[in-house]
Amino acid sequence: MKLTDEELKWGRELLSGIDFLESLPKDEIDALAKSMGKSEYNPGQTIIFQGEFTNSLYLVHHGRVSVWVKAKEGGRKKVAEIGPRNYFGEMSLIGSTSARATLKAEESTVVYSIAGDDFYKIIQEDLNALQKVKDKIVERKKTLDEVSASGSK
């Protein structure tokens, strides 16, 4: 489905403000925006299951997404909420990896996504952006590990 001009504008604005993409030239930001797909989720609907293999960057347009991890003592623990103009899935951009958390729509939610293959085709020459993606992944992984560990105390 082709995105509207308004959706593309929103995508460009959001992408250019993401810390690990802010150094990209305008034409690469534009190409990333044009590669976005759109998905709509109902309240309670799962977007990604923990353990599922994913390879996309997700951008929340509107709505709220809750982040759940398996607790060591059993069950699930809500560890965060992601709202509009925020993103998730960046950990899957570096190699094929399983999701470290389950993400669910808390309310009617619209999410745009950029497939990992499209992402790398566009930014492959920008070593600075690639390093920033890797740094962000390490940071998020550490945070998830700390939250998971604190749930078992």
Foldseek 3Di string as FASTA:
>chain_A
DFDDPVQLVVQLVLQCPPPLRVPPDSVLSSLQSRQKDKDKAAAFDWPAAAFAWAFKKKAWQAAKKWWWAAAPVGDIDTDDMDGHSDIDDLLCLPDTDGHRTIIGTNHTTMMIIHGSVSNCVSCVVPVSSVVSSVVVNVVVVVVSVVVNVVRHD
